[in-house]
Amino acid sequence: MTTTGIPLAFQDILRPHLPYADAGELVDSTDLTSLGLDSMGIMALLADLEDRYELELPDEILNEATFATVGSLWRTISDLVTA
């Protein structure tokens, strides 16, 4: 875990899909679209998340709220992994 509460391993998966992110830690409240995550990036990110966490993301969580911020996406993934 990091000082931001977002695990570095998750940040490492997320960062290649965020063309405007700097090298610093990603924080919970950071807006993903402001870092360049678009619909094509979401599709690629979904594939990476499913591969890394060995899960299939249910359709009902694939919504704007899930992909709003770094924290909202992490909480969704974390809930699925621990379920």
PDB file of N, CA and C in Angstrom:
ATOM      1  N   MET A   1       0.854  -1.179   0.000  1.00  0.00           N
ATOM      2  CA  MET A   1       0.000   0.000   0.000  1.00  0.00           C
ATOM      3  C   MET A   1       0.897   1.238   0.000  1.00  0.00           C
ATOM      4  N   THR A   2       0.371   2.309  -0.516  1.00  0.00           N
ATOM      5  CA  THR A   2       1.136   3.541  -0.598  1.00  0.00           C
ATOM      6  C   THR A   2       0.551   4.585   0.341  1.00  0.00           C
ATOM      7  N   THR A   3       1.158   5.748   0.353  1.00  0.00           N
ATOM      8  CA  THR A   3       0.629   6.840   1.171  1.00  0.00           C
ATOM      9  C   THR A   3      -0.732   7.303   0.661  1.00  0.00           C
ATOM     10  N   THR A   4      -1.046   7.021  -0.596  1.00  0.00           N
ATOM     11  CA  THR A   4      -2.329   7.448  -1.160  1.00  0.00           C
ATOM     12  C   THR A   4      -3.416   6.405  -0.957  1.00  0.00           C
ATOM     13  N   GLY A   5      -3.052   5.205  -0.515  1.00  0.00           N
ATOM     14  CA  GLY A   5      -4.034   4.143  -0.338  1.00  0.00           C
ATOM     15  C   GLY A   5      -4.289   3.338  -1.596  1.00  0.00           C
ATOM     16  N   ILE A   6      -3.670   3.719  -2.699  1.00  0.00           N
ATOM     17  CA  ILE A   6      -3.825   3.008  -3.961  1.00  0.00           C
ATOM     18  C   ILE A   6      -2.562   2.158  -4.159  1.00  0.00           C
ATOM     19  N   PRO A   7      -2.689   0.829  -4.184  1.00  0.00           N
ATOM     20  CA  PRO A   7      -1.499  -0.025  -4.306  1.00  0.00           C
ATOM     21  C   PRO A   7      -0.667   0.284  -5.556  1.00  0.00           C
ATOM     22  N   LEU A   8       0.636   0.211  -5.397  1.00  0.00           N
ATOM     23  CA  LEU A   8       1.524   0.476  -6.523  1.00  0.00           C
ATOM     24  C   LEU A   8       1.293  -0.495  -7.671  1.00  0.00           C
ATOM     25  N   ALA A   9       0.981  -1.750  -7.358  1.00  0.00           N
ATOM     26  CA  ALA A   9       0.733  -2.730  -8.427  1.00  0.00           C
ATOM     27  C   ALA A   9      -0.459  -2.300  -9.279  1.00  0.00           C
ATOM     28  N   PHE A  10      -1.497  -1.759  -8.646  1.00  0.00           N
ATOM     29  CA  PHE A  10      -2.660  -1.256  -9.385  1.00  0.00           C
ATOM     30  C   PHE A  10      -2.272  -0.022 -10.202  1.00  0.00           C
ATOM     31  N   GLN A  11      -1.490   0.861  -9.608  1.00  0.00           N
ATOM     32  CA  GLN A  11      -1.022   2.044 -10.332  1.00  0.00           C
ATOM     33  C   GLN A  11      -0.202   1.645 -11.559  1.00  0.00           C
ATOM     34  N   ASP A  12       0.606   0.603 -11.413  1.00  0.00           N
ATOM     35  CA  ASP A  12       1.431   0.140 -12.534  1.00  0.00           C
ATOM     36  C   ASP A  12       0.581  -0.378 -13.694  1.00  0.00           C
ATOM     37  N   ILE A  13      -0.559  -0.984 -13.381  1.00  0.00           N
ATOM     38  CA  ILE A  13      -1.474  -1.453 -14.425  1.00  0.00           C
ATOM     39  C   ILE A  13      -2.174  -0.260 -15.069  1.00  0.00           C
ATOM     40  N   LEU A  14      -2.568   0.689 -14.265  1.00  0.00           N
ATOM     41  CA  LEU A  14      -3.337   1.837 -14.725  1.00  0.00           C
ATOM     42  C   LEU A  14      -2.515   2.835 -15.537  1.00  0.00           C
ATOM     43  N   ARG A  15      -1.314   3.094 -15.100  1.00  0.00           N
ATOM     44  CA  ARG A  15      -0.495   4.171 -15.667  1.00  0.00           C
ATOM     45  C   ARG A  15      -0.307   4.118 -17.195  1.00  0.00           C
ATOM     46  N   PRO A  16      -0.075   2.956 -17.823  1.00  0.00           N
ATOM     47  CA  PRO A  16       0.095   2.953 -19.285  1.00  0.00           C
ATOM     48  C   PRO A  16      -1.146   3.418 -20.055  1.00  0.00           C
ATOM     49  N   HIS A  17      -2.284   3.439 -19.401  1.00  0.00           N
ATOM     50  CA  HIS A  17      -3.532   3.844 -20.041  1.00  0.00           C
ATOM     51  C   HIS A  17      -3.857   5.318 -19.792  1.00  0.00           C
ATOM     52  N   LEU A  18      -2.954   6.009 -19.102  1.00  0.00           N
ATOM     53  CA  LEU A  18      -3.168   7.411 -18.728  1.00  0.00           C
ATOM     54  C   LEU A  18      -2.066   8.281 -19.333  1.00  0.00           C
ATOM     55  N   PRO A  19      -2.248   8.707 -20.568  1.00  0.00           N
ATOM     56  CA  PRO A  19      -1.168   9.432 -21.253  1.00  0.00           C
ATOM     57  C   PRO A  19      -0.783  10.765 -20.616  1.00  0.00           C
ATOM     58  N   TYR A  20      -1.647  11.361 -19.793  1.00  0.00           N
ATOM     59  CA  TYR A  20      -1.333  12.648 -19.190  1.00  0.00           C
ATOM     60  C   TYR A  20      -0.911  12.542 -17.729  1.00  0.00           C
ATOM     61  N   ALA A  21      -0.724  11.336 -17.228  1.00  0.00           N
ATOM     62  CA  ALA A  21      -0.297  11.153 -15.838  1.00  0.00           C
ATOM     63  C   ALA A  21       1.200  11.424 -15.718  1.00  0.00           C
ATOM     64  N   ASP A  22       1.583  12.063 -14.615  1.00  0.00           N
ATOM     65  CA  ASP A  22       3.006  12.265 -14.374  1.00  0.00           C
ATOM     66  C   ASP A  22       3.562  11.045 -13.638  1.00  0.00           C
ATOM     67  N   ALA A  23       4.797  11.118 -13.224  1.00  0.00           N
ATOM     68  CA  ALA A  23       5.450   9.968 -12.598  1.00  0.00           C
ATOM     69  C   ALA A  23       5.101   9.795 -11.125  1.00  0.00           C
ATOM     70  N   GLY A  24       4.412  10.759 -10.531  1.00  0.00           N
ATOM     71  CA  GLY A  24       4.078  10.672  -9.111  1.00  0.00           C
ATOM     72  C   GLY A  24       2.988   9.647  -8.843  1.00  0.00           C
ATOM     73  N   GLU A  25       2.735   9.419  -7.550  1.00  0.00           N
ATOM     74  CA  GLU A  25       1.682   8.478  -7.164  1.00  0.00           C
ATOM     75  C   GLU A  25       0.322   8.998  -7.607  1.00  0.00           C
ATOM     76  N   LEU A  26      -0.528   8.078  -7.986  1.00  0.00           N
ATOM     77  CA  LEU A  26      -1.898   8.426  -8.342  1.00  0.00           C
ATOM     78  C   LEU A  26      -2.714   8.483  -7.058  1.00  0.00           C
ATOM     79  N   VAL A  27      -3.554   9.491  -6.922  1.00  0.00           N
ATOM     80  CA  VAL A  27      -4.349   9.648  -5.709  1.00  0.00           C
ATOM     81  C   VAL A  27      -5.800   9.258  -5.960  1.00  0.00           C
ATOM     82  N   ASP A  28      -6.469   8.938  -4.876  1.00  0.00           N
ATOM     83  CA  ASP A  28      -7.838   8.450  -4.888  1.00  0.00           C
ATOM     84  C   ASP A  28      -8.784   9.331  -5.707  1.00  0.00           C
ATOM     85  N   SER A  29      -8.670  10.625  -5.578  1.00  0.00           N
ATOM     86  CA  SER A  29      -9.629  11.551  -6.182  1.00  0.00           C
ATOM     87  C   SER A  29      -9.283  11.990  -7.601  1.00  0.00           C
ATOM     88  N   THR A  30      -8.196  11.495  -8.150  1.00  0.00           N
ATOM     89  CA  THR A  30      -7.789  11.923  -9.485  1.00  0.00           C
ATOM     90  C   THR A  30      -8.780  11.452 -10.542  1.00  0.00           C
ATOM     91  N   ASP A  31      -9.260  12.393 -11.336  1.00  0.00           N
ATOM     92  CA  ASP A  31     -10.204  12.123 -12.410  1.00  0.00           C
ATOM     93  C   ASP A  31      -9.474  11.398 -13.547  1.00  0.00           C
ATOM     94  N   LEU A  32      -9.987  10.238 -13.923  1.00  0.00           N
ATOM     95  CA  LEU A  32      -9.319   9.440 -14.951  1.00  0.00           C
ATOM     96  C   LEU A  32      -9.390  10.073 -16.334  1.00  0.00           C
ATOM     97  N   THR A  33     -10.487  10.728 -16.665  1.00  0.00           N
ATOM     98  CA  THR A  33     -10.570  11.352 -17.993  1.00  0.00           C
ATOM     99  C   THR A  33      -9.593  12.517 -18.113  1.00  0.00           C
ATOM    100  N   SER A  34      -9.318  13.207 -17.009  1.00  0.00           N
ATOM    101  CA  SER A  34      -8.357  14.308 -17.066  1.00  0.00           C
ATOM    102  C   SER A  34      -6.936  13.809 -17.322  1.00  0.00           C
ATOM    103  N   LEU A  35      -6.704  12.530 -17.041  1.00  0.00           N
ATOM    104  CA  LEU A  35      -5.391  11.930 -17.313  1.00  0.00           C
ATOM    105  C   LEU A  35      -5.354  11.246 -18.678  1.00  0.00           C
ATOM    106  N   GLY A  36      -6.444  11.390 -19.449  1.00  0.00           N
ATOM    107  CA  GLY A  36      -6.443  10.901 -20.824  1.00  0.00           C
ATOM    108  C   GLY A  36      -7.104   9.561 -21.047  1.00  0.00           C
ATOM    109  N   LEU A  37      -7.775   8.999 -20.031  1.00  0.00           N
ATOM    110  CA  LEU A  37      -8.451   7.720 -20.230  1.00  0.00           C
ATOM    111  C   LEU A  37      -9.715   7.955 -21.059  1.00  0.00           C
ATOM    112  N   ASP A  38      -9.762   7.341 -22.245  1.00  0.00           N
ATOM    113  CA  ASP A  38     -10.924   7.468 -23.117  1.00  0.00           C
ATOM    114  C   ASP A  38     -11.553   6.097 -23.310  1.00  0.00           C
ATOM    115  N   SER A  39     -12.569   6.004 -24.150  1.00  0.00           N
ATOM    116  CA  SER A  39     -13.297   4.742 -24.304  1.00  0.00           C
ATOM    117  C   SER A  39     -12.395   3.617 -24.830  1.00  0.00           C
ATOM    118  N   MET A  40     -11.498   3.922 -25.734  1.00  0.00           N
ATOM    119  CA  MET A  40     -10.570   2.885 -26.220  1.00  0.00           C
ATOM    120  C   MET A  40      -9.604   2.473 -25.108  1.00  0.00           C
ATOM    121  N   GLY A  41      -9.168   3.441 -24.335  1.00  0.00           N
ATOM    122  CA  GLY A  41      -8.282   3.145 -23.218  1.00  0.00           C
ATOM    123  C   GLY A  41      -8.967   2.303 -22.159  1.00  0.00           C
ATOM    124  N   ILE A  42     -10.253   2.549 -21.938  1.00  0.00           N
ATOM    125  CA  ILE A  42     -11.010   1.756 -20.971  1.00  0.00           C
ATOM    126  C   ILE A  42     -11.050   0.302 -21.409  1.00  0.00           C
ATOM    127  N   MET A  43     -11.266   0.056 -22.694  1.00  0.00           N
ATOM    128  CA  MET A  43     -11.330  -1.330 -23.181  1.00  0.00           C
ATOM    129  C   MET A  43      -9.989  -2.045 -22.968  1.00  0.00           C
ATOM    130  N   ALA A  44      -8.904  -1.379 -23.275  1.00  0.00           N
ATOM    131  CA  ALA A  44      -7.579  -1.975 -23.074  1.00  0.00           C
ATOM    132  C   ALA A  44      -7.291  -2.168 -21.585  1.00  0.00           C
ATOM    133  N   LEU A  45      -7.678  -1.193 -20.779  1.00  0.00           N
ATOM    134  CA  LEU A  45      -7.484  -1.286 -19.331  1.00  0.00           C
ATOM    135  C   LEU A  45      -8.280  -2.449 -18.748  1.00  0.00           C
ATOM    136  N   LEU A  46      -9.510  -2.621 -19.203  1.00  0.00           N
ATOM    137  CA  LEU A  46     -10.327  -3.744 -18.736  1.00  0.00           C
ATOM    138  C   LEU A  46      -9.619  -5.071 -18.993  1.00  0.00           C
ATOM    139  N   ALA A  47      -9.083  -5.227 -20.173  1.00  0.00           N
ATOM    140  CA  ALA A  47      -8.372  -6.469 -20.507  1.00  0.00           C
ATOM    141  C   ALA A  47      -7.181  -6.673 -19.574  1.00  0.00           C
ATOM    142  N   ASP A  48      -6.429  -5.615 -19.314  1.00  0.00           N
ATOM    143  CA  ASP A  48      -5.269  -5.728 -18.423  1.00  0.00           C
ATOM    144  C   ASP A  48      -5.687  -6.061 -16.999  1.00  0.00           C
ATOM    145  N   LEU A  49      -6.755  -5.430 -16.520  1.00  0.00           N
ATOM    146  CA  LEU A  49      -7.231  -5.703 -15.163  1.00  0.00           C
ATOM    147  C   LEU A  49      -7.737  -7.140 -15.031  1.00  0.00           C
ATOM    148  N   GLU A  50      -8.485  -7.597 -16.028  1.00  0.00           N
ATOM    149  CA  GLU A  50      -8.992  -8.970 -15.978  1.00  0.00           C
ATOM    150  C   GLU A  50      -7.851  -9.981 -16.002  1.00  0.00           C
ATOM    151  N   ASP A  51      -6.829  -9.704 -16.813  1.00  0.00           N
ATOM    152  CA  ASP A  51      -5.662 -10.597 -16.858  1.00  0.00           C
ATOM    153  C   ASP A  51      -4.906 -10.597 -15.540  1.00  0.00           C
ATOM    154  N   ARG A  52      -4.629  -9.419 -15.019  1.00  0.00           N
ATOM    155  CA  ARG A  52      -3.824  -9.307 -13.802  1.00  0.00           C
ATOM    156  C   ARG A  52      -4.517  -9.903 -12.582  1.00  0.00           C
ATOM    157  N   TYR A  53      -5.818  -9.645 -12.444  1.00  0.00           N
ATOM    158  CA  TYR A  53      -6.532 -10.092 -11.255  1.00  0.00           C
ATOM    159  C   TYR A  53      -7.327 -11.377 -11.490  1.00  0.00           C
ATOM    160  N   GLU A  54      -7.165 -11.957 -12.672  1.00  0.00           N
ATOM    161  CA  GLU A  54      -7.812 -13.226 -13.023  1.00  0.00           C
ATOM    162  C   GLU A  54      -9.298 -13.220 -12.685  1.00  0.00           C
ATOM    163  N   LEU A  55      -9.993 -12.236 -13.239  1.00  0.00           N
ATOM    164  CA  LEU A  55     -11.425 -12.134 -13.026  1.00  0.00           C
ATOM    165  C   LEU A  55     -12.085 -11.594 -14.287  1.00  0.00           C
ATOM    166  N   GLU A  56     -13.408 -11.722 -14.320  1.00  0.00           N
ATOM    167  CA  GLU A  56     -14.177 -11.137 -15.404  1.00  0.00           C
ATOM    168  C   GLU A  56     -15.060 -10.062 -14.791  1.00  0.00           C
ATOM    169  N   LEU A  57     -14.904  -8.862 -15.279  1.00  0.00           N
ATOM    170  CA  LEU A  57     -15.665  -7.750 -14.721  1.00  0.00           C
ATOM    171  C   LEU A  57     -17.114  -7.824 -15.189  1.00  0.00           C
ATOM    172  N   PRO A  58     -18.064  -7.843 -14.261  1.00  0.00           N
ATOM    173  CA  PRO A  58     -19.473  -7.933 -14.628  1.00  0.00           C
ATOM    174  C   PRO A  58     -19.942  -6.658 -15.342  1.00  0.00           C
ATOM    175  N   ASP A  59     -20.834  -6.832 -16.295  1.00  0.00           N
ATOM    176  CA  ASP A  59     -21.336  -5.704 -17.081  1.00  0.00           C
ATOM    177  C   ASP A  59     -21.911  -4.593 -16.223  1.00  0.00           C
ATOM    178  N   GLU A  60     -22.562  -4.937 -15.108  1.00  0.00           N
ATOM    179  CA  GLU A  60     -23.229  -3.912 -14.296  1.00  0.00           C
ATOM    180  C   GLU A  60     -22.270  -2.923 -13.641  1.00  0.00           C
ATOM    181  N   ILE A  61     -20.982  -3.245 -13.566  1.00  0.00           N
ATOM    182  CA  ILE A  61     -20.041  -2.279 -12.988  1.00  0.00           C
ATOM    183  C   ILE A  61     -19.349  -1.449 -14.054  1.00  0.00           C
ATOM    184  N   LEU A  62     -19.597  -1.752 -15.303  1.00  0.00           N
ATOM    185  CA  LEU A  62     -18.954  -1.012 -16.386  1.00  0.00           C
ATOM    186  C   LEU A  62     -19.770   0.241 -16.675  1.00  0.00           C
ATOM    187  N   ASN A  63     -19.568   1.234 -15.824  1.00  0.00           N
ATOM    188  CA  ASN A  63     -20.324   2.476 -15.943  1.00  0.00           C
ATOM    189  C   ASN A  63     -19.435   3.669 -15.636  1.00  0.00           C
ATOM    190  N   GLU A  64     -19.988   4.837 -15.829  1.00  0.00           N
ATOM    191  CA  GLU A  64     -19.241   6.074 -15.647  1.00  0.00           C
ATOM    192  C   GLU A  64     -18.730   6.239 -14.219  1.00  0.00           C
ATOM    193  N   ALA A  65     -19.515   5.838 -13.242  1.00  0.00           N
ATOM    194  CA  ALA A  65     -19.107   5.993 -11.838  1.00  0.00           C
ATOM    195  C   ALA A  65     -17.873   5.155 -11.516  1.00  0.00           C
ATOM    196  N   THR A  66     -17.808   3.955 -12.050  1.00  0.00           N
ATOM    197  CA  THR A  66     -16.653   3.087 -11.802  1.00  0.00           C
ATOM    198  C   THR A  66     -15.367   3.704 -12.323  1.00  0.00           C
ATOM    199  N   PHE A  67     -15.450   4.336 -13.489  1.00  0.00           N
ATOM    200  CA  PHE A  67     -14.261   4.886 -14.138  1.00  0.00           C
ATOM    201  C   PHE A  67     -14.107   6.391 -13.919  1.00  0.00           C
ATOM    202  N   ALA A  68     -14.744   6.925 -12.895  1.00  0.00           N
ATOM    203  CA  ALA A  68     -14.675   8.363 -12.625  1.00  0.00           C
ATOM    204  C   ALA A  68     -13.306   8.773 -12.081  1.00  0.00           C
ATOM    205  N   THR A  69     -12.830   8.042 -11.080  1.00  0.00           N
ATOM    206  CA  THR A  69     -11.565   8.408 -10.436  1.00  0.00           C
ATOM    207  C   THR A  69     -10.704   7.161 -10.227  1.00  0.00           C
ATOM    208  N   VAL A  70      -9.463   7.406  -9.905  1.00  0.00           N
ATOM    209  CA  VAL A  70      -8.556   6.309  -9.573  1.00  0.00           C
ATOM    210  C   VAL A  70      -9.133   5.509  -8.410  1.00  0.00           C
ATOM    211  N   GLY A  71      -9.634   6.196  -7.408  1.00  0.00           N
ATOM    212  CA  GLY A  71     -10.173   5.531  -6.224  1.00  0.00           C
ATOM    213  C   GLY A  71     -11.427   4.720  -6.505  1.00  0.00           C
ATOM    214  N   SER A  72     -12.329   5.257  -7.307  1.00  0.00           N
ATOM    215  CA  SER A  72     -13.566   4.516  -7.596  1.00  0.00           C
ATOM    216  C   SER A  72     -13.251   3.233  -8.361  1.00  0.00           C
ATOM    217  N   LEU A  73     -12.295   3.305  -9.264  1.00  0.00           N
ATOM    218  CA  LEU A  73     -11.914   2.095 -10.003  1.00  0.00           C
ATOM    219  C   LEU A  73     -11.212   1.102  -9.081  1.00  0.00           C
ATOM    220  N   TRP A  74     -10.309   1.582  -8.233  1.00  0.00           N
ATOM    221  CA  TRP A  74      -9.615   0.682  -7.311  1.00  0.00           C
ATOM    222  C   TRP A  74     -10.596   0.002  -6.357  1.00  0.00           C
ATOM    223  N   ARG A  75     -11.540   0.751  -5.789  1.00  0.00           N
ATOM    224  CA  ARG A  75     -12.505   0.161  -4.861  1.00  0.00           C
ATOM    225  C   ARG A  75     -13.340  -0.923  -5.550  1.00  0.00           C
ATOM    226  N   THR A  76     -13.721  -0.697  -6.793  1.00  0.00           N
ATOM    227  CA  THR A  76     -14.502  -1.682  -7.547  1.00  0.00           C
ATOM    228  C   THR A  76     -13.687  -2.954  -7.742  1.00  0.00           C
ATOM    229  N   ILE A  77     -12.452  -2.811  -8.191  1.00  0.00           N
ATOM    230  CA  ILE A  77     -11.583  -3.975  -8.427  1.00  0.00           C
ATOM    231  C   ILE A  77     -11.293  -4.677  -7.106  1.00  0.00           C
ATOM    232  N   SER A  78     -10.975  -3.916  -6.083  1.00  0.00           N
ATOM    233  CA  SER A  78     -10.649  -4.485  -4.778  1.00  0.00           C
ATOM    234  C   SER A  78     -11.822  -5.293  -4.224  1.00  0.00           C
ATOM    235  N   ASP A  79     -13.038  -4.761  -4.371  1.00  0.00           N
ATOM    236  CA  ASP A  79     -14.220  -5.477  -3.900  1.00  0.00           C
ATOM    237  C   ASP A  79     -14.393  -6.809  -4.632  1.00  0.00           C
ATOM    238  N   LEU A  80     -14.119  -6.818  -5.923  1.00  0.00           N
ATOM    239  CA  LEU A  80     -14.258  -8.048  -6.714  1.00  0.00           C
ATOM    240  C   LEU A  80     -13.189  -9.076  -6.349  1.00  0.00           C
ATOM    241  N   VAL A  81     -11.972  -8.589  -6.124  1.00  0.00           N
ATOM    242  CA  VAL A  81     -10.867  -9.494  -5.800  1.00  0.00           C
ATOM    243  C   VAL A  81     -11.069 -10.137  -4.434  1.00  0.00           C
ATOM    244  N   THR A  82     -11.601  -9.388  -3.474  1.00  0.00           N
ATOM    245  CA  THR A  82     -11.773  -9.928  -2.129  1.00  0.00           C
ATOM    246  C   THR A  82     -13.070 -10.700  -1.967  1.00  0.00           C
ATOM    247  N   ALA A  83     -13.954 -10.633  -2.950  1.00  0.00           N
ATOM    248  CA  ALA A  83     -15.256 -11.332  -2.849  1.00  0.00           C
ATOM    249  C   ALA A  83     -15.099 -12.819  -3.021  1.00  0.00           C
TER     250      ALA A  83
END
